[in-house]
Amino acid sequence: MTETLKVDLDSQLVKKFKKKAMEVYGYKKGSVKKAMEDMLRQYTMEGKPNWDKLVGVLDYLKEDSVELQHKLWKKIR
């Protein structure tokens, strides 16, 4: 059973998504659909985020999380 989901999205975001989908799933019919289904499946799978992908991403920074928050709040005020 299938269902159609219509959404209005930023055109640049859609272009980037389509390009990435075709790079990953191949330049063939159905690659964008497959990418969207996989993305939605990952997003709804467990109901909780997968933090494993983020571990170590900010290791190059010298500040800890509290210092980064203070720095950010100073910039946006």
Foldseek 3Di string as FASTA:
>chain_A
DDDDDDDDDDPVVVVVLVVVQCVVQNDDPPSSVVSVVVVVCQCPPPVDDDCPVVPPVPVVDPDDPVVVVVVVVVVVD
